[in-house]
Amino acid sequence: MKCAIYTRVSTDIQAEKEFSSCEAQEEKIRAFIKSQNNCRVFKVYSGPGFTGVNLNRPALQELLEDIKQGKIDIVLVSYSSVLKRDYGMVVSHHLGIRQ
């Protein structure tokens, strides 16, 4: 299974904290992937310094495009708000549904 890793922090302060940085998030997700038999990392998408209410994040847009192209089977995040504060909007945006 092709897994994408998506990491994000909103502020420079969060990016510098050892436990919440994009690097720390990636490390946690990679540890999980290692515990799975059928997962391999396709790509890491990282969005440091972008708020979760903004869908116009370069890494998120690249991730959504790769999903549309069938390059990814699953997206892994360290916690759900990394993707978006309103999760339904991400799914709706990806599927082209207007709310």
N, C-alpha and C. Protein backbone atom coordinates (compact mmCIF):
# COMPACT_ATOMS: atom_id res chain seq x y z
N MET A 1 0.84 -1.16 0.00
CA MET A 1 0.00 0.00 0.00
C MET A 1 0.90 1.24 0.00
N LYS A 2 0.59 2.18 -0.89
CA LYS A 2 1.36 3.43 -0.97
C LYS A 2 0.80 4.44 0.02
N CYS A 3 1.64 4.82 0.97
CA CYS A 3 1.23 5.73 2.04
C CYS A 3 1.85 7.10 1.84
N ALA A 4 1.05 8.11 2.05
CA ALA A 4 1.55 9.49 2.06
C ALA A 4 1.60 9.94 3.51
N ILE A 5 2.64 10.68 3.84
CA ILE A 5 2.76 11.29 5.16
C ILE A 5 2.50 12.77 4.98
N TYR A 6 1.57 13.31 5.77
CA TYR A 6 1.31 14.75 5.72
C TYR A 6 1.56 15.34 7.10
N THR A 7 2.42 16.35 7.16
CA THR A 7 2.72 17.04 8.41
C THR A 7 2.45 18.53 8.24
N ARG A 8 2.07 19.19 9.35
CA ARG A 8 1.83 20.63 9.30
C ARG A 8 1.88 21.20 10.70
N VAL A 9 2.38 22.40 10.80
CA VAL A 9 2.27 23.21 12.02
C VAL A 9 1.87 24.61 11.59
N SER A 10 1.18 25.31 12.47
CA SER A 10 0.66 26.64 12.13
C SER A 10 1.69 27.75 12.31
N THR A 11 2.53 27.61 13.31
CA THR A 11 3.41 28.72 13.67
C THR A 11 4.87 28.31 13.71
N ASP A 12 5.74 29.28 13.63
CA ASP A 12 7.17 29.02 13.75
C ASP A 12 7.51 28.45 15.12
N ILE A 13 6.78 28.89 16.14
CA ILE A 13 7.03 28.39 17.50
C ILE A 13 6.75 26.88 17.55
N GLN A 14 5.63 26.47 16.96
CA GLN A 14 5.31 25.04 16.92
C GLN A 14 6.35 24.28 16.12
N ALA A 15 6.81 24.86 15.04
CA ALA A 15 7.79 24.20 14.17
C ALA A 15 9.10 23.93 14.90
N GLU A 16 9.39 24.76 15.90
CA GLU A 16 10.64 24.63 16.64
C GLU A 16 10.53 23.70 17.84
N LYS A 17 9.31 23.37 18.25
CA LYS A 17 9.14 22.49 19.41
C LYS A 17 9.45 21.06 19.00
N GLU A 18 10.25 20.42 19.83
CA GLU A 18 10.71 19.08 19.52
C GLU A 18 9.58 18.07 19.34
N PHE A 19 8.53 18.16 20.15
CA PHE A 19 7.46 17.17 20.10
C PHE A 19 6.39 17.45 19.05
N SER A 20 6.32 18.68 18.54
CA SER A 20 5.24 18.99 17.59
C SER A 20 5.73 19.45 16.23
N SER A 21 7.01 19.45 16.00
CA SER A 21 7.54 19.90 14.71
C SER A 21 7.11 18.95 13.60
N CYS A 22 7.22 19.40 12.39
CA CYS A 22 6.91 18.53 11.25
C CYS A 22 7.80 17.29 11.27
N GLU A 23 9.04 17.47 11.66
CA GLU A 23 9.97 16.35 11.72
C GLU A 23 9.53 15.33 12.77
N ALA A 24 9.08 15.81 13.93
CA ALA A 24 8.61 14.92 15.00
C ALA A 24 7.36 14.16 14.55
N GLN A 25 6.46 14.86 13.86
CA GLN A 25 5.26 14.21 13.35
C GLN A 25 5.64 13.11 12.37
N GLU A 26 6.56 13.43 11.46
CA GLU A 26 6.99 12.44 10.47
C GLU A 26 7.62 11.22 11.14
N GLU A 27 8.43 11.46 12.14
CA GLU A 27 9.09 10.37 12.85
C GLU A 27 8.06 9.43 13.48
N LYS A 28 7.02 9.98 14.10
CA LYS A 28 5.96 9.16 14.70
C LYS A 28 5.23 8.33 13.65
N ILE A 29 4.94 8.96 12.53
CA ILE A 29 4.21 8.26 11.47
C ILE A 29 5.08 7.17 10.86
N ARG A 30 6.36 7.45 10.64
CA ARG A 30 7.26 6.43 10.10
C ARG A 30 7.38 5.23 11.04
N ALA A 31 7.37 5.48 12.34
CA ALA A 31 7.41 4.39 13.31
C ALA A 31 6.17 3.51 13.17
N PHE A 32 5.02 4.15 12.98
CA PHE A 32 3.79 3.39 12.77
C PHE A 32 3.88 2.57 11.49
N ILE A 33 4.33 3.19 10.41
CA ILE A 33 4.43 2.50 9.13
C ILE A 33 5.34 1.28 9.24
N LYS A 34 6.43 1.40 9.99
CA LYS A 34 7.34 0.27 10.18
C LYS A 34 6.64 -0.91 10.85
N SER A 35 5.64 -0.62 11.67
CA SER A 35 4.93 -1.68 12.37
C SER A 35 3.91 -2.39 11.47
N GLN A 36 3.69 -1.86 10.30
CA GLN A 36 2.72 -2.43 9.36
C GLN A 36 3.45 -3.24 8.29
N ASN A 37 2.86 -4.32 7.87
CA ASN A 37 3.51 -5.18 6.87
C ASN A 37 3.28 -4.72 5.44
N ASN A 38 2.22 -4.01 5.21
CA ASN A 38 1.84 -3.73 3.83
C ASN A 38 1.95 -2.26 3.43
N CYS A 39 2.67 -1.45 4.20
CA CYS A 39 2.77 -0.02 3.90
C CYS A 39 4.18 0.35 3.47
N ARG A 40 4.25 1.25 2.51
CA ARG A 40 5.53 1.87 2.15
C ARG A 40 5.27 3.35 1.91
N VAL A 41 6.25 4.17 2.26
CA VAL A 41 6.09 5.62 2.11
C VAL A 41 6.25 5.98 0.64
N PHE A 42 5.20 6.58 0.09
CA PHE A 42 5.27 7.09 -1.27
C PHE A 42 5.96 8.45 -1.28
N LYS A 43 5.50 9.34 -0.37
CA LYS A 43 6.03 10.70 -0.34
C LYS A 43 5.64 11.36 0.99
N VAL A 44 6.47 12.31 1.40
CA VAL A 44 6.17 13.12 2.58
C VAL A 44 5.79 14.52 2.10
N TYR A 45 4.64 15.00 2.55
CA TYR A 45 4.15 16.33 2.23
C TYR A 45 4.18 17.12 3.53
N SER A 46 4.81 18.26 3.53
CA SER A 46 4.98 19.01 4.76
C SER A 46 4.58 20.47 4.56
N GLY A 47 3.81 20.99 5.53
CA GLY A 47 3.34 22.37 5.45
C GLY A 47 3.62 23.15 6.70
N PRO A 48 4.89 23.44 6.99
CA PRO A 48 5.17 24.25 8.18
C PRO A 48 4.73 25.69 7.99
N GLY A 49 4.12 26.26 9.03
CA GLY A 49 3.74 27.66 8.98
C GLY A 49 2.43 27.96 8.30
N PHE A 50 1.60 26.94 8.06
CA PHE A 50 0.30 27.16 7.42
C PHE A 50 -0.83 26.83 8.38
N THR A 51 -1.80 27.70 8.49
CA THR A 51 -2.94 27.47 9.35
C THR A 51 -3.83 26.37 8.80
N GLY A 52 -4.50 25.67 9.71
CA GLY A 52 -5.39 24.59 9.32
C GLY A 52 -6.69 25.03 8.68
N VAL A 53 -7.00 26.31 8.74
CA VAL A 53 -8.24 26.79 8.12
C VAL A 53 -8.04 27.15 6.65
N ASN A 54 -6.81 27.14 6.20
CA ASN A 54 -6.49 27.51 4.82
C ASN A 54 -6.24 26.27 3.97
N LEU A 55 -7.05 26.07 2.95
CA LEU A 55 -6.86 24.93 2.05
C LEU A 55 -5.83 25.22 0.96
N ASN A 56 -5.44 26.45 0.81
CA ASN A 56 -4.49 26.82 -0.24
C ASN A 56 -3.05 26.70 0.25
N ARG A 57 -2.72 25.51 0.72
CA ARG A 57 -1.36 25.21 1.16
C ARG A 57 -0.69 24.40 0.07
N PRO A 58 0.50 24.79 -0.36
CA PRO A 58 1.16 24.09 -1.46
C PRO A 58 1.27 22.58 -1.25
N ALA A 59 1.68 22.15 -0.07
CA ALA A 59 1.84 20.72 0.18
C ALA A 59 0.50 20.00 0.15
N LEU A 60 -0.55 20.63 0.68
CA LEU A 60 -1.87 20.02 0.66
C LEU A 60 -2.39 19.92 -0.76
N GLN A 61 -2.21 20.96 -1.55
CA GLN A 61 -2.66 20.93 -2.94
C GLN A 61 -1.94 19.84 -3.74
N GLU A 62 -0.64 19.70 -3.49
CA GLU A 62 0.13 18.64 -4.15
C GLU A 62 -0.38 17.26 -3.72
N LEU A 63 -0.66 17.10 -2.44
CA LEU A 63 -1.20 15.85 -1.92
C LEU A 63 -2.53 15.53 -2.57
N LEU A 64 -3.45 16.50 -2.63
CA LEU A 64 -4.76 16.27 -3.23
C LEU A 64 -4.64 15.90 -4.71
N GLU A 65 -3.71 16.53 -5.41
CA GLU A 65 -3.50 16.20 -6.82
C GLU A 65 -2.98 14.77 -6.98
N ASP A 66 -2.06 14.37 -6.12
CA ASP A 66 -1.54 13.00 -6.19
C ASP A 66 -2.62 11.98 -5.85
N ILE A 67 -3.53 12.33 -4.95
CA ILE A 67 -4.67 11.45 -4.64
C ILE A 67 -5.55 11.32 -5.87
N LYS A 68 -5.85 12.43 -6.52
CA LYS A 68 -6.69 12.40 -7.73
C LYS A 68 -6.08 11.54 -8.82
N GLN A 69 -4.74 11.55 -8.90
CA GLN A 69 -4.05 10.78 -9.93
C GLN A 69 -3.85 9.31 -9.53
N GLY A 70 -4.34 8.93 -8.37
CA GLY A 70 -4.26 7.54 -7.93
C GLY A 70 -2.88 7.10 -7.47
N LYS A 71 -2.04 8.04 -7.11
CA LYS A 71 -0.68 7.70 -6.69
C LYS A 71 -0.60 7.23 -5.24
N ILE A 72 -1.65 7.50 -4.46
CA ILE A 72 -1.63 7.26 -3.02
C ILE A 72 -2.82 6.40 -2.62
N ASP A 73 -2.57 5.43 -1.74
CA ASP A 73 -3.66 4.61 -1.22
C ASP A 73 -4.20 5.14 0.11
N ILE A 74 -3.34 5.72 0.91
CA ILE A 74 -3.75 6.19 2.23
C ILE A 74 -2.88 7.37 2.65
N VAL A 75 -3.48 8.31 3.38
CA VAL A 75 -2.75 9.46 3.91
C VAL A 75 -2.70 9.31 5.43
N LEU A 76 -1.50 9.41 5.97
CA LEU A 76 -1.31 9.28 7.41
C LEU A 76 -0.89 10.64 7.99
N VAL A 77 -1.54 11.00 9.09
CA VAL A 77 -1.22 12.24 9.82
C VAL A 77 -1.04 11.89 11.28
N SER A 78 -0.31 12.72 12.01
CA SER A 78 -0.09 12.43 13.43
C SER A 78 -1.32 12.74 14.27
N TYR A 79 -2.12 13.71 13.86
CA TYR A 79 -3.39 14.01 14.51
C TYR A 79 -4.28 14.70 13.48
N SER A 80 -5.58 14.54 13.63
CA SER A 80 -6.52 14.92 12.56
C SER A 80 -6.51 16.39 12.19
N SER A 81 -6.26 17.29 13.11
CA SER A 81 -6.31 18.71 12.76
C SER A 81 -5.12 19.15 11.90
N VAL A 82 -4.13 18.27 11.73
CA VAL A 82 -3.03 18.58 10.83
C VAL A 82 -3.57 18.78 9.42
N LEU A 83 -4.54 17.97 9.06
CA LEU A 83 -5.11 18.05 7.72
C LEU A 83 -5.99 19.29 7.57
N LYS A 84 -6.94 19.45 8.45
CA LYS A 84 -7.86 20.59 8.34
C LYS A 84 -8.70 20.68 9.59
N ARG A 85 -8.99 21.89 9.99
CA ARG A 85 -9.85 22.09 11.16
C ARG A 85 -11.26 21.54 10.90
N ASP A 86 -11.77 21.70 9.70
CA ASP A 86 -13.08 21.19 9.32
C ASP A 86 -12.85 20.06 8.31
N TYR A 87 -12.83 18.82 8.79
CA TYR A 87 -12.45 17.68 7.97
C TYR A 87 -13.38 17.47 6.78
N GLY A 88 -14.65 17.77 6.97
CA GLY A 88 -15.61 17.63 5.88
C GLY A 88 -15.26 18.51 4.70
N MET A 89 -14.68 19.68 4.97
CA MET A 89 -14.31 20.58 3.88
C MET A 89 -13.19 19.98 3.04
N VAL A 90 -12.26 19.27 3.65
CA VAL A 90 -11.17 18.66 2.89
C VAL A 90 -11.73 17.61 1.94
N VAL A 91 -12.59 16.75 2.45
CA VAL A 91 -13.19 15.72 1.61
C VAL A 91 -14.03 16.36 0.52
N SER A 92 -14.84 17.34 0.88
CA SER A 92 -15.68 18.02 -0.11
C SER A 92 -14.83 18.71 -1.16
N HIS A 93 -13.77 19.36 -0.74
CA HIS A 93 -12.87 20.04 -1.67
C HIS A 93 -12.25 19.03 -2.64
N HIS A 94 -11.78 17.92 -2.10
CA HIS A 94 -11.15 16.89 -2.93
C HIS A 94 -12.13 16.32 -3.96
N LEU A 95 -13.38 16.15 -3.53
CA LEU A 95 -14.38 15.56 -4.43
C LEU A 95 -15.07 16.60 -5.30
N GLY A 96 -14.73 17.86 -5.10
CA GLY A 96 -15.34 18.92 -5.90
C GLY A 96 -16.75 19.28 -5.49
N ILE A 97 -17.09 18.99 -4.25
CA ILE A 97 -18.44 19.30 -3.74
C ILE A 97 -18.40 20.68 -3.09
N ARG A 98 -19.34 21.52 -3.45
CA ARG A 98 -19.42 22.85 -2.85
C ARG A 98 -20.36 22.80 -1.65
N GLN A 99 -19.93 23.42 -0.56
CA GLN A 99 -20.76 23.42 0.65
C GLN A 99 -21.46 24.77 0.78
